[in-house]
């Protein structure tokens, strides 16, 4: 029986999924992002995740036919990535694996590895598209310090910035001001400085979940953040479409926690796009996209 493992690495967590026939088993570990995990942590998290799903499926690692691993930020950190193939070969005992950016499995899952564009807005942001000729392209994904517009981290920072402007009356105080104070349980506005300076990337990204509370209470800054996030998302989609060859309408799907905002956000993205796009719900989750690419790689139909 063919057994495939798909690994979906994100900025916050890593999901391991094993498919054995019609049976599916999953486990989770912390992030394997090259800038957030040491080499030792990377090894242990990969090893633990694979061993865990194999144990659940009652198979040995040597039974695995192929593994496809999506690593956040892959392709951007050459020095840190050079040891990754050796790590996987040591754990798996084989060269039957492929490594790729997490945007690739987001696309494969959301569109079942068919032509179109996938937009990832999780802790980070990136688009990945594959056209009718098999040509591939990504946009955005420049990381939290210089890009990742529209991501959970970016929205979290925009919310914090808006709070500071409302706190010192540069902007009119709205619902966002008190919602942020409640979120952090602070009395003194200046306390937010020390709190944010000590926060991890994924903790700042989690702040994005309060955006819609402020939008629904008609906060001007919150509504501006929502609009800007949608505009940036549409820009990344358009950049991908315009350098590839698609028939209209272009199928666009999505993955990542920011899309928990809901239909209002998706409609705004469509409004801001300069192309004729059809935004479709994801067919599969990114981890199942990784499983699909593991199977295709094993069969020789993906490279």
C-alpha atoms as a PDB file:
ATOM      1  CA  UNK A   1       0.000   0.000   0.000  1.00  0.00           C
ATOM      2  CA  UNK A   2       1.314   3.476  -0.932  1.00  0.00           C
ATOM      3  CA  UNK A   3       1.785   5.776   2.050  1.00  0.00           C
ATOM      4  CA  UNK A   4       2.299   9.523   1.672  1.00  0.00           C
ATOM      5  CA  UNK A   5       3.197  12.234   4.173  1.00  0.00           C
ATOM      6  CA  UNK A   6       2.444  15.896   3.620  1.00  0.00           C
ATOM      7  CA  UNK A   7       3.975  18.546   5.875  1.00  0.00           C
ATOM      8  CA  UNK A   8       2.464  22.024   6.030  1.00  0.00           C
ATOM      9  CA  UNK A   9       4.827  24.379   7.818  1.00  0.00           C
ATOM     10  CA  UNK A  10       3.490  27.765   8.884  1.00  0.00           C
ATOM     11  CA  UNK A  11       4.758  30.716  10.863  1.00  0.00           C
ATOM     12  CA  UNK A  12       3.033  29.439  14.004  1.00  0.00           C
ATOM     13  CA  UNK A  13       2.644  25.661  13.698  1.00  0.00           C
ATOM     14  CA  UNK A  14       3.510  22.690  11.513  1.00  0.00           C
ATOM     15  CA  UNK A  15       0.961  20.063  10.525  1.00  0.00           C
ATOM     16  CA  UNK A  16       1.974  16.525   9.564  1.00  0.00           C
ATOM     17  CA  UNK A  17      -0.560  14.427   7.651  1.00  0.00           C
ATOM     18  CA  UNK A  18      -0.154  10.786   6.624  1.00  0.00           C
ATOM     19  CA  UNK A  19      -2.445   9.131   4.070  1.00  0.00           C
ATOM     20  CA  UNK A  20      -2.606   5.342   4.006  1.00  0.00           C
ATOM     21  CA  UNK A  21      -5.202   4.245   1.497  1.00  0.00           C
ATOM     22  CA  UNK A  22      -8.376   6.061   2.551  1.00  0.00           C
ATOM     23  CA  UNK A  23      -7.123   6.557   6.116  1.00  0.00           C
ATOM     24  CA  UNK A  24      -5.719   9.935   7.185  1.00  0.00           C
ATOM     25  CA  UNK A  25      -3.721  10.684  10.344  1.00  0.00           C
ATOM     26  CA  UNK A  26      -2.389  14.027  11.570  1.00  0.00           C
ATOM     27  CA  UNK A  27      -0.175  15.553  14.236  1.00  0.00           C
ATOM     28  CA  UNK A  28       1.138  19.031  15.002  1.00  0.00           C
ATOM     29  CA  UNK A  29       4.428  20.580  16.096  1.00  0.00           C
ATOM     30  CA  UNK A  30       5.658  24.142  16.547  1.00  0.00           C
ATOM     31  CA  UNK A  31       6.878  26.190  13.574  1.00  0.00           C
ATOM     32  CA  UNK A  32       9.815  25.044  11.440  1.00  0.00           C
ATOM     33  CA  UNK A  33      10.372  28.530   9.993  1.00  0.00           C
ATOM     34  CA  UNK A  34      14.152  28.866   9.393  1.00  0.00           C
ATOM     35  CA  UNK A  35      14.249  32.154  11.312  1.00  0.00           C
ATOM     36  CA  UNK A  36      12.171  30.913  14.239  1.00  0.00           C
ATOM     37  CA  UNK A  37      13.588  27.435  14.830  1.00  0.00           C
ATOM     38  CA  UNK A  38      17.215  26.459  15.410  1.00  0.00           C
ATOM     39  CA  UNK A  39      18.731  23.611  13.389  1.00  0.00           C
ATOM     40  CA  UNK A  40      18.249  21.333  16.399  1.00  0.00           C
ATOM     41  CA  UNK A  41      14.616  22.419  16.870  1.00  0.00           C
ATOM     42  CA  UNK A  42      13.970  21.959  13.152  1.00  0.00           C
ATOM     43  CA  UNK A  43      15.320  18.390  13.313  1.00  0.00           C
ATOM     44  CA  UNK A  44      13.385  17.477  16.451  1.00  0.00           C
ATOM     45  CA  UNK A  45      10.087  18.905  15.221  1.00  0.00           C
ATOM     46  CA  UNK A  46      10.331  17.133  11.864  1.00  0.00           C
ATOM     47  CA  UNK A  47      11.367  13.876  13.528  1.00  0.00           C
ATOM     48  CA  UNK A  48       8.668  14.067  16.214  1.00  0.00           C
ATOM     49  CA  UNK A  49       5.933  14.976  13.718  1.00  0.00           C
ATOM     50  CA  UNK A  50       6.753  12.149  11.335  1.00  0.00           C
ATOM     51  CA  UNK A  51       7.151   9.599  14.119  1.00  0.00           C
ATOM     52  CA  UNK A  52       3.847  10.702  15.641  1.00  0.00           C
ATOM     53  CA  UNK A  53       1.746  10.217  12.485  1.00  0.00           C
ATOM     54  CA  UNK A  54       3.493   6.928  11.717  1.00  0.00           C
ATOM     55  CA  UNK A  55       2.668   5.688  15.214  1.00  0.00           C
ATOM     56  CA  UNK A  56      -0.975   6.701  14.809  1.00  0.00           C
ATOM     57  CA  UNK A  57      -1.150   4.907  11.449  1.00  0.00           C
ATOM     58  CA  UNK A  58       0.735   1.902  12.827  1.00  0.00           C
ATOM     59  CA  UNK A  59       3.372   2.047  10.115  1.00  0.00           C
ATOM     60  CA  UNK A  60       7.136   2.475  10.209  1.00  0.00           C
ATOM     61  CA  UNK A  61       9.034   5.364   8.627  1.00  0.00           C
ATOM     62  CA  UNK A  62      10.519   2.919   6.113  1.00  0.00           C
ATOM     63  CA  UNK A  63       6.966   2.238   4.838  1.00  0.00           C
ATOM     64  CA  UNK A  64       6.534   5.826   3.594  1.00  0.00           C
ATOM     65  CA  UNK A  65       6.402   6.003  -0.204  1.00  0.00           C
ATOM     66  CA  UNK A  66       7.042   9.748  -0.500  1.00  0.00           C
ATOM     67  CA  UNK A  67       7.088  12.894   1.617  1.00  0.00           C
ATOM     68  CA  UNK A  68       6.373  16.454   0.508  1.00  0.00           C
ATOM     69  CA  UNK A  69       7.377  19.119   3.027  1.00  0.00           C
ATOM     70  CA  UNK A  70       6.367  22.783   2.822  1.00  0.00           C
ATOM     71  CA  UNK A  71       8.655  25.048   4.822  1.00  0.00           C
ATOM     72  CA  UNK A  72       7.706  28.677   5.538  1.00  0.00           C
ATOM     73  CA  UNK A  73      10.097  31.112   3.900  1.00  0.00           C
ATOM     74  CA  UNK A  74      11.774  28.320   1.904  1.00  0.00           C
ATOM     75  CA  UNK A  75      13.925  29.740  -0.868  1.00  0.00           C
ATOM     76  CA  UNK A  76      14.814  32.867   1.091  1.00  0.00           C
ATOM     77  CA  UNK A  77      17.398  31.608   3.592  1.00  0.00           C
ATOM     78  CA  UNK A  78      20.027  29.709   1.606  1.00  0.00           C
ATOM     79  CA  UNK A  79      22.492  29.373   4.477  1.00  0.00           C
ATOM     80  CA  UNK A  80      19.908  27.893   6.830  1.00  0.00           C
ATOM     81  CA  UNK A  81      18.345  25.693   4.148  1.00  0.00           C
ATOM     82  CA  UNK A  82      21.516  23.918   3.023  1.00  0.00           C
ATOM     83  CA  UNK A  83      21.275  21.329   5.819  1.00  0.00           C
ATOM     84  CA  UNK A  84      17.553  20.600   5.368  1.00  0.00           C
ATOM     85  CA  UNK A  85      17.852  17.847   2.703  1.00  0.00           C
ATOM     86  CA  UNK A  86      20.382  16.025   4.887  1.00  0.00           C
ATOM     87  CA  UNK A  87      18.052  16.305   7.898  1.00  0.00           C
ATOM     88  CA  UNK A  88      15.111  14.842   5.991  1.00  0.00           C
ATOM     89  CA  UNK A  89      17.237  12.057   4.510  1.00  0.00           C
ATOM     90  CA  UNK A  90      18.519  11.162   7.968  1.00  0.00           C
ATOM     91  CA  UNK A  91      14.988  11.013   9.428  1.00  0.00           C
ATOM     92  CA  UNK A  92      13.335   9.268   6.468  1.00  0.00           C
ATOM     93  CA  UNK A  93      16.232   7.026   5.457  1.00  0.00           C
ATOM     94  CA  UNK A  94      15.533   7.813   1.797  1.00  0.00           C
ATOM     95  CA  UNK A  95      15.729  10.538  -0.846  1.00  0.00           C
ATOM     96  CA  UNK A  96      12.015  10.141  -1.619  1.00  0.00           C
ATOM     97  CA  UNK A  97      11.017  13.629  -0.545  1.00  0.00           C
ATOM     98  CA  UNK A  98      10.695  17.168  -1.848  1.00  0.00           C
ATOM     99  CA  UNK A  99      10.974  20.495  -0.029  1.00  0.00           C
ATOM    100  CA  UNK A 100       9.136  23.645  -1.101  1.00  0.00           C
ATOM    101  CA  UNK A 101       7.740  26.952   0.113  1.00  0.00           C
ATOM    102  CA  UNK A 102       4.483  26.717   2.072  1.00  0.00           C
ATOM    103  CA  UNK A 103       2.765  28.731  -0.669  1.00  0.00           C
ATOM    104  CA  UNK A 104       3.098  25.716  -2.964  1.00  0.00           C
ATOM    105  CA  UNK A 105       0.964  23.419  -0.798  1.00  0.00           C
ATOM    106  CA  UNK A 106      -1.523  26.212  -0.176  1.00  0.00           C
ATOM    107  CA  UNK A 107      -2.029  26.334  -3.938  1.00  0.00           C
ATOM    108  CA  UNK A 108      -2.070  22.544  -4.352  1.00  0.00           C
ATOM    109  CA  UNK A 109      -4.653  22.115  -1.626  1.00  0.00           C
ATOM    110  CA  UNK A 110      -6.937  24.997  -2.453  1.00  0.00           C
ATOM    111  CA  UNK A 111      -7.078  24.279  -6.201  1.00  0.00           C
ATOM    112  CA  UNK A 112      -6.315  20.534  -6.178  1.00  0.00           C
ATOM    113  CA  UNK A 113      -3.045  21.280  -8.011  1.00  0.00           C
ATOM    114  CA  UNK A 114      -4.874  22.792 -10.995  1.00  0.00           C
ATOM    115  CA  UNK A 115      -4.190  26.118 -12.711  1.00  0.00           C
ATOM    116  CA  UNK A 116      -4.959  29.258 -10.749  1.00  0.00           C
ATOM    117  CA  UNK A 117      -3.636  31.422  -7.939  1.00  0.00           C
ATOM    118  CA  UNK A 118      -3.627  30.818  -4.214  1.00  0.00           C
ATOM    119  CA  UNK A 119      -3.308  33.631  -1.696  1.00  0.00           C
ATOM    120  CA  UNK A 120      -1.915  32.775   1.728  1.00  0.00           C
ATOM    121  CA  UNK A 121      -2.703  35.220   4.512  1.00  0.00           C
ATOM    122  CA  UNK A 122      -1.692  33.629   7.775  1.00  0.00           C
ATOM    123  CA  UNK A 123       1.061  34.809  10.075  1.00  0.00           C
ATOM    124  CA  UNK A 124       2.772  35.854   6.834  1.00  0.00           C
ATOM    125  CA  UNK A 125       1.563  36.579   3.289  1.00  0.00           C
ATOM    126  CA  UNK A 126       2.368  35.163  -0.145  1.00  0.00           C
ATOM    127  CA  UNK A 127       0.726  34.260  -3.449  1.00  0.00           C
ATOM    128  CA  UNK A 128       1.579  31.322  -5.688  1.00  0.00           C
ATOM    129  CA  UNK A 129       0.188  30.715  -9.131  1.00  0.00           C
ATOM    130  CA  UNK A 130       0.481  28.037 -11.806  1.00  0.00           C
ATOM    131  CA  UNK A 131      -0.850  28.773 -15.293  1.00  0.00           C
ATOM    132  CA  UNK A 132      -2.213  26.531 -18.061  1.00  0.00           C
ATOM    133  CA  UNK A 133       1.315  25.952 -19.371  1.00  0.00           C
ATOM    134  CA  UNK A 134       2.621  24.869 -15.976  1.00  0.00           C
ATOM    135  CA  UNK A 135       4.606  28.061 -15.445  1.00  0.00           C
ATOM    136  CA  UNK A 136       4.877  28.978 -11.752  1.00  0.00           C
ATOM    137  CA  UNK A 137       5.228  32.337 -10.007  1.00  0.00           C
ATOM    138  CA  UNK A 138       5.029  33.775  -6.492  1.00  0.00           C
ATOM    139  CA  UNK A 139       4.520  37.314  -5.251  1.00  0.00           C
ATOM    140  CA  UNK A 140       4.692  38.975  -1.827  1.00  0.00           C
ATOM    141  CA  UNK A 141       6.201  36.889   0.967  1.00  0.00           C
ATOM    142  CA  UNK A 142       9.049  39.287   1.731  1.00  0.00           C
ATOM    143  CA  UNK A 143       8.848  38.682   5.468  1.00  0.00           C
ATOM    144  CA  UNK A 144       7.448  40.677   8.404  1.00  0.00           C
ATOM    145  CA  UNK A 145      10.118  43.373   8.531  1.00  0.00           C
ATOM    146  CA  UNK A 146       9.858  44.539   4.925  1.00  0.00           C
ATOM    147  CA  UNK A 147       6.624  43.104   3.550  1.00  0.00           C
ATOM    148  CA  UNK A 148       3.919  40.480   4.125  1.00  0.00           C
ATOM    149  CA  UNK A 149       1.241  43.121   3.642  1.00  0.00           C
ATOM    150  CA  UNK A 150      -2.230  41.899   4.530  1.00  0.00           C
ATOM    151  CA  UNK A 151      -0.917  39.107   6.743  1.00  0.00           C
ATOM    152  CA  UNK A 152      -1.994  38.472  10.318  1.00  0.00           C
ATOM    153  CA  UNK A 153       1.258  40.014  11.564  1.00  0.00           C
ATOM    154  CA  UNK A 154       0.819  43.070   9.323  1.00  0.00           C
ATOM    155  CA  UNK A 155      -2.788  43.548  10.485  1.00  0.00           C
ATOM    156  CA  UNK A 156      -1.727  43.114  14.119  1.00  0.00           C
ATOM    157  CA  UNK A 157       0.887  45.840  13.764  1.00  0.00           C
ATOM    158  CA  UNK A 158      -1.578  48.134  11.989  1.00  0.00           C
ATOM    159  CA  UNK A 159      -4.021  47.681  14.876  1.00  0.00           C
ATOM    160  CA  UNK A 160      -1.325  48.513  17.427  1.00  0.00           C
ATOM    161  CA  UNK A 161      -0.294  51.580  15.446  1.00  0.00           C
ATOM    162  CA  UNK A 162      -3.913  52.753  15.171  1.00  0.00           C
ATOM    163  CA  UNK A 163      -4.291  52.281  18.929  1.00  0.00           C
ATOM    164  CA  UNK A 164      -1.311  54.549  19.632  1.00  0.00           C
ATOM    165  CA  UNK A 165      -2.762  57.252  17.378  1.00  0.00           C
ATOM    166  CA  UNK A 166      -6.118  57.051  19.087  1.00  0.00           C
ATOM    167  CA  UNK A 167      -4.452  56.966  22.504  1.00  0.00           C
ATOM    168  CA  UNK A 168      -2.662  60.326  22.013  1.00  0.00           C
ATOM    169  CA  UNK A 169      -5.529  61.876  20.011  1.00  0.00           C
ATOM    170  CA  UNK A 170      -3.763  62.036  16.648  1.00  0.00           C
ATOM    171  CA  UNK A 171      -6.838  60.125  15.496  1.00  0.00           C
ATOM    172  CA  UNK A 172     -10.338  60.283  16.849  1.00  0.00           C
ATOM    173  CA  UNK A 173     -10.918  57.601  19.461  1.00  0.00           C
ATOM    174  CA  UNK A 174     -13.209  54.850  18.310  1.00  0.00           C
ATOM    175  CA  UNK A 175     -14.125  51.320  19.319  1.00  0.00           C
ATOM    176  CA  UNK A 176     -10.631  50.037  18.504  1.00  0.00           C
ATOM    177  CA  UNK A 177      -9.103  51.991  21.384  1.00  0.00           C
ATOM    178  CA  UNK A 178     -11.068  50.197  24.117  1.00  0.00           C
ATOM    179  CA  UNK A 179     -11.033  46.835  22.338  1.00  0.00           C
ATOM    180  CA  UNK A 180      -7.221  46.874  22.268  1.00  0.00           C
ATOM    181  CA  UNK A 181      -7.054  47.949  25.920  1.00  0.00           C
ATOM    182  CA  UNK A 182      -9.338  45.060  26.857  1.00  0.00           C
ATOM    183  CA  UNK A 183      -7.331  42.634  24.720  1.00  0.00           C
ATOM    184  CA  UNK A 184      -4.120  43.467  26.576  1.00  0.00           C
ATOM    185  CA  UNK A 185      -5.815  44.127  29.940  1.00  0.00           C
ATOM    186  CA  UNK A 186      -4.037  47.460  30.369  1.00  0.00           C
ATOM    187  CA  UNK A 187      -5.039  50.630  32.204  1.00  0.00           C
ATOM    188  CA  UNK A 188      -2.077  52.799  31.203  1.00  0.00           C
ATOM    189  CA  UNK A 189      -1.858  53.239  27.428  1.00  0.00           C
ATOM    190  CA  UNK A 190       1.954  53.391  27.538  1.00  0.00           C
ATOM    191  CA  UNK A 191       2.086  49.845  28.933  1.00  0.00           C
ATOM    192  CA  UNK A 192       1.538  48.584  25.410  1.00  0.00           C
ATOM    193  CA  UNK A 193       5.132  49.528  24.509  1.00  0.00           C
ATOM    194  CA  UNK A 194       6.748  46.961  26.793  1.00  0.00           C
ATOM    195  CA  UNK A 195       4.101  44.361  26.009  1.00  0.00           C
ATOM    196  CA  UNK A 196       4.541  44.542  22.233  1.00  0.00           C
ATOM    197  CA  UNK A 197       8.339  44.670  22.418  1.00  0.00           C
ATOM    198  CA  UNK A 198       8.261  41.302  24.176  1.00  0.00           C
ATOM    199  CA  UNK A 199       5.795  39.629  21.810  1.00  0.00           C
ATOM    200  CA  UNK A 200       6.644  36.935  19.289  1.00  0.00           C
ATOM    201  CA  UNK A 201       5.656  37.212  15.629  1.00  0.00           C
ATOM    202  CA  UNK A 202       2.777  34.770  15.961  1.00  0.00           C
ATOM    203  CA  UNK A 203       1.476  36.587  19.061  1.00  0.00           C
ATOM    204  CA  UNK A 204       1.309  39.846  17.131  1.00  0.00           C
ATOM    205  CA  UNK A 205      -0.418  38.029  14.258  1.00  0.00           C
ATOM    206  CA  UNK A 206      -3.064  36.793  16.709  1.00  0.00           C
ATOM    207  CA  UNK A 207      -4.083  40.414  17.403  1.00  0.00           C
ATOM    208  CA  UNK A 208      -5.628  40.456  13.904  1.00  0.00           C
ATOM    209  CA  UNK A 209      -8.572  38.471  15.257  1.00  0.00           C
ATOM    210  CA  UNK A 210      -9.964  41.587  16.947  1.00  0.00           C
ATOM    211  CA  UNK A 211     -10.092  43.643  13.735  1.00  0.00           C
ATOM    212  CA  UNK A 212     -13.680  42.783  12.862  1.00  0.00           C
ATOM    213  CA  UNK A 213     -14.923  43.657  16.360  1.00  0.00           C
ATOM    214  CA  UNK A 214     -13.783  47.212  15.690  1.00  0.00           C
ATOM    215  CA  UNK A 215     -15.049  47.243  12.095  1.00  0.00           C
ATOM    216  CA  UNK A 216     -18.501  46.119  13.213  1.00  0.00           C
ATOM    217  CA  UNK A 217     -18.549  49.013  15.692  1.00  0.00           C
ATOM    218  CA  UNK A 218     -17.829  51.463  12.857  1.00  0.00           C
ATOM    219  CA  UNK A 219     -14.261  52.315  13.886  1.00  0.00           C
ATOM    220  CA  UNK A 220     -12.690  54.415  11.089  1.00  0.00           C
ATOM    221  CA  UNK A 221      -9.155  53.127  11.601  1.00  0.00           C
ATOM    222  CA  UNK A 222     -10.279  49.498  11.661  1.00  0.00           C
ATOM    223  CA  UNK A 223     -12.240  49.924   8.442  1.00  0.00           C
ATOM    224  CA  UNK A 224      -9.195  51.558   6.818  1.00  0.00           C
ATOM    225  CA  UNK A 225      -7.000  48.614   7.898  1.00  0.00           C
ATOM    226  CA  UNK A 226      -9.484  46.133   6.431  1.00  0.00           C
ATOM    227  CA  UNK A 227      -9.580  48.046   3.143  1.00  0.00           C
ATOM    228  CA  UNK A 228      -5.791  48.320   2.969  1.00  0.00           C
ATOM    229  CA  UNK A 229      -5.349  44.600   3.694  1.00  0.00           C
ATOM    230  CA  UNK A 230      -7.774  43.728   0.886  1.00  0.00           C
ATOM    231  CA  UNK A 231      -6.051  46.151  -1.498  1.00  0.00           C
ATOM    232  CA  UNK A 232      -2.635  44.627  -0.756  1.00  0.00           C
ATOM    233  CA  UNK A 233      -4.024  41.127  -1.214  1.00  0.00           C
ATOM    234  CA  UNK A 234      -5.521  42.095  -4.582  1.00  0.00           C
ATOM    235  CA  UNK A 235      -2.220  43.674  -5.655  1.00  0.00           C
ATOM    236  CA  UNK A 236      -0.328  40.441  -4.952  1.00  0.00           C
ATOM    237  CA  UNK A 237      -2.933  38.422  -6.861  1.00  0.00           C
ATOM    238  CA  UNK A 238      -2.769  40.830  -9.825  1.00  0.00           C
ATOM    239  CA  UNK A 239       1.041  40.741  -9.921  1.00  0.00           C
ATOM    240  CA  UNK A 240       0.905  36.950 -10.143  1.00  0.00           C
ATOM    241  CA  UNK A 241      -1.797  36.877 -12.812  1.00  0.00           C
ATOM    242  CA  UNK A 242      -0.183  39.474 -15.063  1.00  0.00           C
ATOM    243  CA  UNK A 243       3.078  37.526 -15.435  1.00  0.00           C
ATOM    244  CA  UNK A 244       1.355  34.212 -16.152  1.00  0.00           C
ATOM    245  CA  UNK A 245      -0.996  32.972 -18.892  1.00  0.00           C
ATOM    246  CA  UNK A 246      -4.548  32.345 -17.714  1.00  0.00           C
ATOM    247  CA  UNK A 247      -7.970  32.172 -19.310  1.00  0.00           C
ATOM    248  CA  UNK A 248     -10.620  34.430 -17.749  1.00  0.00           C
ATOM    249  CA  UNK A 249     -11.961  34.312 -15.191  1.00  0.00           C
ATOM    250  CA  UNK A 250      -8.845  33.311 -13.243  1.00  0.00           C
ATOM    251  CA  UNK A 251      -9.569  30.958 -10.377  1.00  0.00           C
ATOM    252  CA  UNK A 252      -8.219  32.341  -7.111  1.00  0.00           C
ATOM    253  CA  UNK A 253      -8.371  30.476  -3.841  1.00  0.00           C
ATOM    254  CA  UNK A 254      -6.987  31.144  -0.401  1.00  0.00           C
ATOM    255  CA  UNK A 255      -5.641  29.764   2.860  1.00  0.00           C
ATOM    256  CA  UNK A 256      -4.564  31.155   6.223  1.00  0.00           C
ATOM    257  CA  UNK A 257      -6.191  32.453   9.382  1.00  0.00           C
ATOM    258  CA  UNK A 258      -6.825  35.996   8.112  1.00  0.00           C
ATOM    259  CA  UNK A 259      -9.648  34.597   5.975  1.00  0.00           C
ATOM    260  CA  UNK A 260     -11.581  33.910   9.158  1.00  0.00           C
ATOM    261  CA  UNK A 261     -12.619  37.560   8.711  1.00  0.00           C
ATOM    262  CA  UNK A 262     -15.157  36.167   6.273  1.00  0.00           C
ATOM    263  CA  UNK A 263     -17.016  37.066   3.107  1.00  0.00           C
ATOM    264  CA  UNK A 264     -16.697  40.827   3.582  1.00  0.00           C
ATOM    265  CA  UNK A 265     -12.911  40.536   3.190  1.00  0.00           C
ATOM    266  CA  UNK A 266     -13.123  38.242   0.155  1.00  0.00           C
ATOM    267  CA  UNK A 267     -15.554  40.622  -1.563  1.00  0.00           C
ATOM    268  CA  UNK A 268     -13.212  43.562  -0.965  1.00  0.00           C
ATOM    269  CA  UNK A 269     -10.311  41.650  -2.534  1.00  0.00           C
ATOM    270  CA  UNK A 270     -12.418  40.973  -5.618  1.00  0.00           C
ATOM    271  CA  UNK A 271     -13.415  44.644  -5.757  1.00  0.00           C
ATOM    272  CA  UNK A 272      -9.793  45.845  -5.695  1.00  0.00           C
ATOM    273  CA  UNK A 273      -8.437  43.340  -8.218  1.00  0.00           C
ATOM    274  CA  UNK A 274      -7.779  44.719 -11.688  1.00  0.00           C
ATOM    275  CA  UNK A 275      -8.348  41.306 -13.246  1.00  0.00           C
ATOM    276  CA  UNK A 276     -11.377  39.149 -13.854  1.00  0.00           C
ATOM    277  CA  UNK A 277     -11.100  36.695 -11.003  1.00  0.00           C
ATOM    278  CA  UNK A 278     -13.322  34.017  -9.520  1.00  0.00           C
ATOM    279  CA  UNK A 279     -12.604  33.537  -5.839  1.00  0.00           C
ATOM    280  CA  UNK A 280     -13.359  29.949  -4.905  1.00  0.00           C
ATOM    281  CA  UNK A 281     -13.395  28.165  -1.575  1.00  0.00           C
ATOM    282  CA  UNK A 282     -10.390  25.893  -0.966  1.00  0.00           C
ATOM    283  CA  UNK A 283     -10.945  22.321  -2.107  1.00  0.00           C
ATOM    284  CA  UNK A 284      -8.428  20.864   0.340  1.00  0.00           C
ATOM    285  CA  UNK A 285      -6.397  22.114   3.289  1.00  0.00           C
ATOM    286  CA  UNK A 286      -2.689  22.917   2.724  1.00  0.00           C
ATOM    287  CA  UNK A 287      -1.545  19.743   4.518  1.00  0.00           C
ATOM    288  CA  UNK A 288      -3.692  17.657   2.158  1.00  0.00           C
ATOM    289  CA  UNK A 289      -2.221  19.710  -0.687  1.00  0.00           C
ATOM    290  CA  UNK A 290       1.189  18.504   0.496  1.00  0.00           C
ATOM    291  CA  UNK A 291      -0.089  14.921   0.524  1.00  0.00           C
ATOM    292  CA  UNK A 292      -1.382  15.387  -3.036  1.00  0.00           C
ATOM    293  CA  UNK A 293       2.022  16.683  -4.196  1.00  0.00           C
ATOM    294  CA  UNK A 294       3.753  13.799  -2.414  1.00  0.00           C
ATOM    295  CA  UNK A 295       1.642  11.422  -4.511  1.00  0.00           C
ATOM    296  CA  UNK A 296       2.250  13.379  -7.718  1.00  0.00           C
ATOM    297  CA  UNK A 297       5.997  13.512  -7.014  1.00  0.00           C
ATOM    298  CA  UNK A 298       6.026   9.755  -6.399  1.00  0.00           C
ATOM    299  CA  UNK A 299       4.246   9.223  -9.739  1.00  0.00           C
ATOM    300  CA  UNK A 300       6.585  11.641 -11.513  1.00  0.00           C
ATOM    301  CA  UNK A 301       3.881  14.138 -12.463  1.00  0.00           C
ATOM    302  CA  UNK A 302       5.202  17.046 -10.366  1.00  0.00           C
ATOM    303  CA  UNK A 303       8.593  18.697 -10.407  1.00  0.00           C
END
